[in-house]
Amino acid sequence: MPIVVRIDVELAKRKMSVGEFAERVGLTPANVAVLKNGRAKAVRFSTLEAMCRVLNCQPGDLLEWVEEEGENR
């Protein structure tokens, strides 16, 4: 998948657990795992906003587009 979720990186920078992050954002730990593992099909802007607020970061710190090998422009 060309969109990579970088929640792990931001959590590690802040030494924050998944459980604490989930609670502060208002998600279940299972839904955070879905995001972290790249299995999410969509993210609501309200959820993205809450994640950025809790982590004091920008959306681009959490989401990255990576070109797939063999992909032509």
PDB file of N, CA and C in Angstrom:
ATOM      1  N   MET A   1       0.851  -1.183   0.000  1.00  0.00           N
ATOM      2  CA  MET A   1       0.000   0.000   0.000  1.00  0.00           C
ATOM      3  C   MET A   1       0.891   1.239   0.000  1.00  0.00           C
ATOM      4  N   PRO A   2       0.615   2.193  -0.871  1.00  0.00           N
ATOM      5  CA  PRO A   2       1.492   3.359  -0.966  1.00  0.00           C
ATOM      6  C   PRO A   2       1.378   4.355   0.181  1.00  0.00           C
ATOM      7  N   ILE A   3       0.323   4.314   0.984  1.00  0.00           N
ATOM      8  CA  ILE A   3       0.224   5.199   2.151  1.00  0.00           C
ATOM      9  C   ILE A   3       0.695   4.416   3.374  1.00  0.00           C
ATOM     10  N   VAL A   4       1.726   4.938   4.029  1.00  0.00           N
ATOM     11  CA  VAL A   4       2.294   4.282   5.199  1.00  0.00           C
ATOM     12  C   VAL A   4       1.946   5.110   6.430  1.00  0.00           C
ATOM     13  N   VAL A   5       1.454   4.440   7.472  1.00  0.00           N
ATOM     14  CA  VAL A   5       1.096   5.113   8.722  1.00  0.00           C
ATOM     15  C   VAL A   5       2.292   5.024   9.663  1.00  0.00           C
ATOM     16  N   ARG A   6       2.715   6.162  10.182  1.00  0.00           N
ATOM     17  CA  ARG A   6       3.916   6.258  11.009  1.00  0.00           C
ATOM     18  C   ARG A   6       3.604   6.535  12.486  1.00  0.00           C
ATOM     19  N   ILE A   7       2.524   5.976  12.985  1.00  0.00           N
ATOM     20  CA  ILE A   7       2.152   6.200  14.381  1.00  0.00           C
ATOM     21  C   ILE A   7       3.247   5.691  15.317  1.00  0.00           C
ATOM     22  N   ASP A   8       3.822   4.525  15.001  1.00  0.00           N
ATOM     23  CA  ASP A   8       4.875   3.950  15.852  1.00  0.00           C
ATOM     24  C   ASP A   8       6.013   4.923  16.089  1.00  0.00           C
ATOM     25  N   VAL A   9       6.427   5.610  15.036  1.00  0.00           N
ATOM     26  CA  VAL A   9       7.550   6.548  15.139  1.00  0.00           C
ATOM     27  C   VAL A   9       7.207   7.668  16.109  1.00  0.00           C
ATOM     28  N   GLU A  10       6.023   8.231  15.961  1.00  0.00           N
ATOM     29  CA  GLU A  10       5.618   9.349  16.819  1.00  0.00           C
ATOM     30  C   GLU A  10       5.409   8.893  18.269  1.00  0.00           C
ATOM     31  N   LEU A  11       4.865   7.698  18.453  1.00  0.00           N
ATOM     32  CA  LEU A  11       4.697   7.179  19.815  1.00  0.00           C
ATOM     33  C   LEU A  11       6.062   6.950  20.471  1.00  0.00           C
ATOM     34  N   ALA A  12       6.995   6.410  19.720  1.00  0.00           N
ATOM     35  CA  ALA A  12       8.332   6.149  20.266  1.00  0.00           C
ATOM     36  C   ALA A  12       9.034   7.449  20.652  1.00  0.00           C
ATOM     37  N   LYS A  13       8.890   8.478  19.828  1.00  0.00           N
ATOM     38  CA  LYS A  13       9.505   9.776  20.132  1.00  0.00           C
ATOM     39  C   LYS A  13       9.012  10.315  21.467  1.00  0.00           C
ATOM     40  N   ARG A  14       7.752  10.024  21.778  1.00  0.00           N
ATOM     41  CA  ARG A  14       7.135  10.571  22.987  1.00  0.00           C
ATOM     42  C   ARG A  14       7.105   9.566  24.133  1.00  0.00           C
ATOM     43  N   LYS A  15       7.640   8.368  23.876  1.00  0.00           N
ATOM     44  CA  LYS A  15       7.612   7.288  24.877  1.00  0.00           C
ATOM     45  C   LYS A  15       6.191   7.071  25.401  1.00  0.00           C
ATOM     46  N   MET A  16       5.239   7.046  24.470  1.00  0.00           N
ATOM     47  CA  MET A  16       3.828   6.875  24.806  1.00  0.00           C
ATOM     48  C   MET A  16       3.383   5.476  24.399  1.00  0.00           C
ATOM     49  N   SER A  17       2.634   4.817  25.263  1.00  0.00           N
ATOM     50  CA  SER A  17       2.138   3.475  24.953  1.00  0.00           C
ATOM     51  C   SER A  17       0.930   3.550  24.020  1.00  0.00           C
ATOM     52  N   VAL A  18       0.682   2.441  23.349  1.00  0.00           N
ATOM     53  CA  VAL A  18      -0.489   2.350  22.479  1.00  0.00           C
ATOM     54  C   VAL A  18      -1.757   2.525  23.308  1.00  0.00           C
ATOM     55  N   GLY A  19      -1.787   1.943  24.488  1.00  0.00           N
ATOM     56  CA  GLY A  19      -2.965   2.061  25.354  1.00  0.00           C
ATOM     57  C   GLY A  19      -3.257   3.492  25.742  1.00  0.00           C
ATOM     58  N   GLU A  20      -2.222   4.223  26.151  1.00  0.00           N
ATOM     59  CA  GLU A  20      -2.402   5.631  26.517  1.00  0.00           C
ATOM     60  C   GLU A  20      -2.854   6.445  25.307  1.00  0.00           C
ATOM     61  N   PHE A  21      -2.204   6.214  24.167  1.00  0.00           N
ATOM     62  CA  PHE A  21      -2.561   6.921  22.938  1.00  0.00           C
ATOM     63  C   PHE A  21      -4.016   6.652  22.571  1.00  0.00           C
ATOM     64  N   ALA A  22      -4.414   5.375  22.594  1.00  0.00           N
ATOM     65  CA  ALA A  22      -5.786   5.003  22.241  1.00  0.00           C
ATOM     66  C   ALA A  22      -6.788   5.701  23.146  1.00  0.00           C
ATOM     67  N   GLU A  23      -6.505   5.687  24.430  1.00  0.00           N
ATOM     68  CA  GLU A  23      -7.423   6.315  25.389  1.00  0.00           C
ATOM     69  C   GLU A  23      -7.538   7.816  25.150  1.00  0.00           C
ATOM     70  N   ARG A  24      -6.415   8.479  24.936  1.00  0.00           N
ATOM     71  CA  ARG A  24      -6.421   9.931  24.755  1.00  0.00           C
ATOM     72  C   ARG A  24      -7.054  10.353  23.433  1.00  0.00           C
ATOM     73  N   VAL A  25      -6.924   9.499  22.401  1.00  0.00           N
ATOM     74  CA  VAL A  25      -7.519   9.811  21.094  1.00  0.00           C
ATOM     75  C   VAL A  25      -8.999   9.436  21.062  1.00  0.00           C
ATOM     76  N   GLY A  26      -9.371   8.425  21.851  1.00  0.00           N
ATOM     77  CA  GLY A  26     -10.761   7.964  21.837  1.00  0.00           C
ATOM     78  C   GLY A  26     -10.971   6.785  20.914  1.00  0.00           C
ATOM     79  N   LEU A  27      -9.925   5.979  20.723  1.00  0.00           N
ATOM     80  CA  LEU A  27      -9.999   4.768  19.908  1.00  0.00           C
ATOM     81  C   LEU A  27      -9.763   3.558  20.799  1.00  0.00           C
ATOM     82  N   THR A  28     -10.152   2.402  20.313  1.00  0.00           N
ATOM     83  CA  THR A  28      -9.784   1.173  21.010  1.00  0.00           C
ATOM     84  C   THR A  28      -8.356   0.807  20.625  1.00  0.00           C
ATOM     85  N   PRO A  29      -7.640   0.119  21.488  1.00  0.00           N
ATOM     86  CA  PRO A  29      -6.302  -0.344  21.103  1.00  0.00           C
ATOM     87  C   PRO A  29      -6.329  -1.197  19.832  1.00  0.00           C
ATOM     88  N   ALA A  30      -7.403  -1.946  19.627  1.00  0.00           N
ATOM     89  CA  ALA A  30      -7.525  -2.769  18.409  1.00  0.00           C
ATOM     90  C   ALA A  30      -7.574  -1.891  17.162  1.00  0.00           C
ATOM     91  N   ASN A  31      -8.291  -0.765  17.232  1.00  0.00           N
ATOM     92  CA  ASN A  31      -8.353   0.131  16.075  1.00  0.00           C
ATOM     93  C   ASN A  31      -7.023   0.839  15.838  1.00  0.00           C
ATOM     94  N   VAL A  32      -6.294   1.134  16.904  1.00  0.00           N
ATOM     95  CA  VAL A  32      -4.949   1.704  16.731  1.00  0.00           C
ATOM     96  C   VAL A  32      -4.061   0.680  16.034  1.00  0.00           C
ATOM     97  N   ALA A  33      -4.182  -0.594  16.399  1.00  0.00           N
ATOM     98  CA  ALA A  33      -3.403  -1.652  15.755  1.00  0.00           C
ATOM     99  C   ALA A  33      -3.729  -1.746  14.271  1.00  0.00           C
ATOM    100  N   VAL A  34      -4.995  -1.605  13.916  1.00  0.00           N
ATOM    101  CA  VAL A  34      -5.396  -1.629  12.505  1.00  0.00           C
ATOM    102  C   VAL A  34      -4.714  -0.496  11.745  1.00  0.00           C
ATOM    103  N   LEU A  35      -4.677   0.680  12.343  1.00  0.00           N
ATOM    104  CA  LEU A  35      -3.995   1.815  11.714  1.00  0.00           C
ATOM    105  C   LEU A  35      -2.494   1.563  11.591  1.00  0.00           C
ATOM    106  N   LYS A  36      -1.884   1.119  12.682  1.00  0.00           N
ATOM    107  CA  LYS A  36      -0.439   0.901  12.712  1.00  0.00           C
ATOM    108  C   LYS A  36       0.007  -0.151  11.707  1.00  0.00           C
ATOM    109  N   ASN A  37      -0.801  -1.180  11.533  1.00  0.00           N
ATOM    110  CA  ASN A  37      -0.424  -2.292  10.665  1.00  0.00           C
ATOM    111  C   ASN A  37      -0.798  -2.085   9.203  1.00  0.00           C
ATOM    112  N   GLY A  38      -1.334  -0.905   8.885  1.00  0.00           N
ATOM    113  CA  GLY A  38      -1.652  -0.601   7.492  1.00  0.00           C
ATOM    114  C   GLY A  38      -2.879  -1.305   6.961  1.00  0.00           C
ATOM    115  N   ARG A  39      -3.738  -1.789   7.844  1.00  0.00           N
ATOM    116  CA  ARG A  39      -4.946  -2.492   7.403  1.00  0.00           C
ATOM    117  C   ARG A  39      -6.153  -1.572   7.287  1.00  0.00           C
ATOM    118  N   ALA A  40      -6.016  -0.323   7.697  1.00  0.00           N
ATOM    119  CA  ALA A  40      -7.151   0.614   7.634  1.00  0.00           C
ATOM    120  C   ALA A  40      -7.402   1.015   6.184  1.00  0.00           C
ATOM    121  N   LYS A  41      -8.655   1.094   5.835  1.00  0.00           N
ATOM    122  CA  LYS A  41      -9.041   1.525   4.482  1.00  0.00           C
ATOM    123  C   LYS A  41      -9.285   3.028   4.423  1.00  0.00           C
ATOM    124  N   ALA A  42      -9.540   3.636   5.584  1.00  0.00           N
ATOM    125  CA  ALA A  42      -9.827   5.065   5.644  1.00  0.00           C
ATOM    126  C   ALA A  42      -9.574   5.568   7.058  1.00  0.00           C
ATOM    127  N   VAL A  43      -9.374   6.875   7.163  1.00  0.00           N
ATOM    128  CA  VAL A  43      -9.225   7.531   8.463  1.00  0.00           C
ATOM    129  C   VAL A  43     -10.080   8.790   8.416  1.00  0.00           C
ATOM    130  N   ARG A  44     -10.956   8.947   9.378  1.00  0.00           N
ATOM    131  CA  ARG A  44     -11.767  10.164   9.436  1.00  0.00           C
ATOM    132  C   ARG A  44     -10.884  11.346   9.795  1.00  0.00           C
ATOM    133  N   PHE A  45     -11.217  12.500   9.240  1.00  0.00           N
ATOM    134  CA  PHE A  45     -10.468  13.714   9.567  1.00  0.00           C
ATOM    135  C   PHE A  45     -10.542  14.007  11.059  1.00  0.00           C
ATOM    136  N   SER A  46     -11.672  13.719  11.689  1.00  0.00           N
ATOM    137  CA  SER A  46     -11.790  13.976  13.131  1.00  0.00           C
ATOM    138  C   SER A  46     -10.825  13.080  13.912  1.00  0.00           C
ATOM    139  N   THR A  47     -10.624  11.852  13.442  1.00  0.00           N
ATOM    140  CA  THR A  47      -9.662  10.951  14.093  1.00  0.00           C
ATOM    141  C   THR A  47      -8.244  11.432  13.852  1.00  0.00           C
ATOM    142  N   LEU A  48      -7.950  11.827  12.632  1.00  0.00           N
ATOM    143  CA  LEU A  48      -6.623  12.353  12.304  1.00  0.00           C
ATOM    144  C   LEU A  48      -6.334  13.606  13.124  1.00  0.00           C
ATOM    145  N   GLU A  49      -7.325  14.458  13.266  1.00  0.00           N
ATOM    146  CA  GLU A  49      -7.167  15.664  14.075  1.00  0.00           C
ATOM    147  C   GLU A  49      -6.862  15.310  15.534  1.00  0.00           C
ATOM    148  N   ALA A  50      -7.595  14.341  16.073  1.00  0.00           N
ATOM    149  CA  ALA A  50      -7.373  13.931  17.463  1.00  0.00           C
ATOM    150  C   ALA A  50      -5.982  13.334  17.640  1.00  0.00           C
ATOM    151  N   MET A  51      -5.538  12.531  16.681  1.00  0.00           N
ATOM    152  CA  MET A  51      -4.196  11.945  16.759  1.00  0.00           C
ATOM    153  C   MET A  51      -3.136  13.035  16.732  1.00  0.00           C
ATOM    154  N   CYS A  52      -3.304  14.020  15.866  1.00  0.00           N
ATOM    155  CA  CYS A  52      -2.345  15.125  15.782  1.00  0.00           C
ATOM    156  C   CYS A  52      -2.357  15.965  17.054  1.00  0.00           C
ATOM    157  N   ARG A  53      -3.530  16.173  17.622  1.00  0.00           N
ATOM    158  CA  ARG A  53      -3.633  16.948  18.856  1.00  0.00           C
ATOM    159  C   ARG A  53      -2.908  16.236  19.995  1.00  0.00           C
ATOM    160  N   VAL A  54      -3.143  14.936  20.147  1.00  0.00           N
ATOM    161  CA  VAL A  54      -2.527  14.161  21.221  1.00  0.00           C
ATOM    162  C   VAL A  54      -1.009  14.099  21.051  1.00  0.00           C
ATOM    163  N   LEU A  55      -0.552  13.947  19.806  1.00  0.00           N
ATOM    164  CA  LEU A  55       0.880  13.804  19.550  1.00  0.00           C
ATOM    165  C   LEU A  55       1.570  15.140  19.258  1.00  0.00           C
ATOM    166  N   ASN A  56       0.774  16.214  19.190  1.00  0.00           N
ATOM    167  CA  ASN A  56       1.321  17.536  18.878  1.00  0.00           C
ATOM    168  C   ASN A  56       2.170  17.486  17.613  1.00  0.00           C
ATOM    169  N   CYS A  57       1.529  16.992  16.532  1.00  0.00           N
ATOM    170  CA  CYS A  57       2.243  16.841  15.262  1.00  0.00           C
ATOM    171  C   CYS A  57       1.333  17.228  14.108  1.00  0.00           C
ATOM    172  N   GLN A  58       1.850  17.158  12.917  1.00  0.00           N
ATOM    173  CA  GLN A  58       1.104  17.452  11.698  1.00  0.00           C
ATOM    174  C   GLN A  58       0.685  16.140  11.029  1.00  0.00           C
ATOM    175  N   PRO A  59      -0.382  16.155  10.202  1.00  0.00           N
ATOM    176  CA  PRO A  59      -0.800  14.925   9.512  1.00  0.00           C
ATOM    177  C   PRO A  59       0.339  14.271   8.723  1.00  0.00           C
ATOM    178  N   GLY A  60       1.197  15.072   8.144  1.00  0.00           N
ATOM    179  CA  GLY A  60       2.316  14.535   7.385  1.00  0.00           C
ATOM    180  C   GLY A  60       3.333  13.796   8.239  1.00  0.00           C
ATOM    181  N   ASP A  61       3.295  14.012   9.553  1.00  0.00           N
ATOM    182  CA  ASP A  61       4.165  13.255  10.453  1.00  0.00           C
ATOM    183  C   ASP A  61       3.629  11.839  10.667  1.00  0.00           C
ATOM    184  N   LEU A  62       2.335  11.659  10.444  1.00  0.00           N
ATOM    185  CA  LEU A  62       1.692  10.365  10.666  1.00  0.00           C
ATOM    186  C   LEU A  62       1.475   9.563   9.391  1.00  0.00           C
ATOM    187  N   LEU A  63       1.332  10.255   8.273  1.00  0.00           N
ATOM    188  CA  LEU A  63       1.032   9.599   6.999  1.00  0.00           C
ATOM    189  C   LEU A  63       2.099   9.933   5.971  1.00  0.00           C
ATOM    190  N   GLU A  64       2.523   8.920   5.230  1.00  0.00           N
ATOM    191  CA  GLU A  64       3.536   9.126   4.199  1.00  0.00           C
ATOM    192  C   GLU A  64       3.148   8.340   2.961  1.00  0.00           C
ATOM    193  N   TRP A  65       3.249   8.966   1.800  1.00  0.00           N
ATOM    194  CA  TRP A  65       3.009   8.273   0.543  1.00  0.00           C
ATOM    195  C   TRP A  65       4.334   7.723   0.052  1.00  0.00           C
ATOM    196  N   VAL A  66       4.351   6.427  -0.255  1.00  0.00           N
ATOM    197  CA  VAL A  66       5.556   5.763  -0.747  1.00  0.00           C
ATOM    198  C   VAL A  66       5.208   5.104  -2.074  1.00  0.00           C
ATOM    199  N   GLU A  67       5.972   5.410  -3.090  1.00  0.00           N
ATOM    200  CA  GLU A  67       5.721   4.826  -4.407  1.00  0.00           C
ATOM    201  C   GLU A  67       6.020   3.334  -4.374  1.00  0.00           C
ATOM    202  N   GLU A  68       5.103   2.541  -4.912  1.00  0.00           N
ATOM    203  CA  GLU A  68       5.302   1.103  -4.983  1.00  0.00           C
ATOM    204  C   GLU A  68       6.287   0.779  -6.091  1.00  0.00           C
ATOM    205  N   GLU A  69       7.064  -0.271  -5.886  1.00  0.00           N
ATOM    206  CA  GLU A  69       8.007  -0.679  -6.922  1.00  0.00           C
ATOM    207  C   GLU A  69       7.240  -1.066  -8.175  1.00  0.00           C
ATOM    208  N   GLY A  70       7.766  -0.659  -9.313  1.00  0.00           N
ATOM    209  CA  GLY A  70       7.129  -0.969 -10.581  1.00  0.00           C
ATOM    210  C   GLY A  70       5.991  -0.054 -10.946  1.00  0.00           C
ATOM    211  N   GLU A  71       5.690   0.907 -10.096  1.00  0.00           N
ATOM    212  CA  GLU A  71       4.610   1.853 -10.362  1.00  0.00           C
ATOM    213  C   GLU A  71       5.102   2.923 -11.313  1.00  0.00           C
ATOM    214  N   ASN A  72       4.381   3.126 -12.397  1.00  0.00           N
ATOM    215  CA  ASN A  72       4.754   4.159 -13.373  1.00  0.00           C
ATOM    216  C   ASN A  72       3.898   5.385 -13.199  1.00  0.00           C
ATOM    217  N   ARG A  73       4.495   6.507 -13.399  1.00  0.00           N
ATOM    218  CA  ARG A  73       3.740   7.749 -13.312  1.00  0.00           C
ATOM    219  C   ARG A  73       3.280   8.180 -14.667  1.00  0.00           C
TER     220      ARG A  73
END
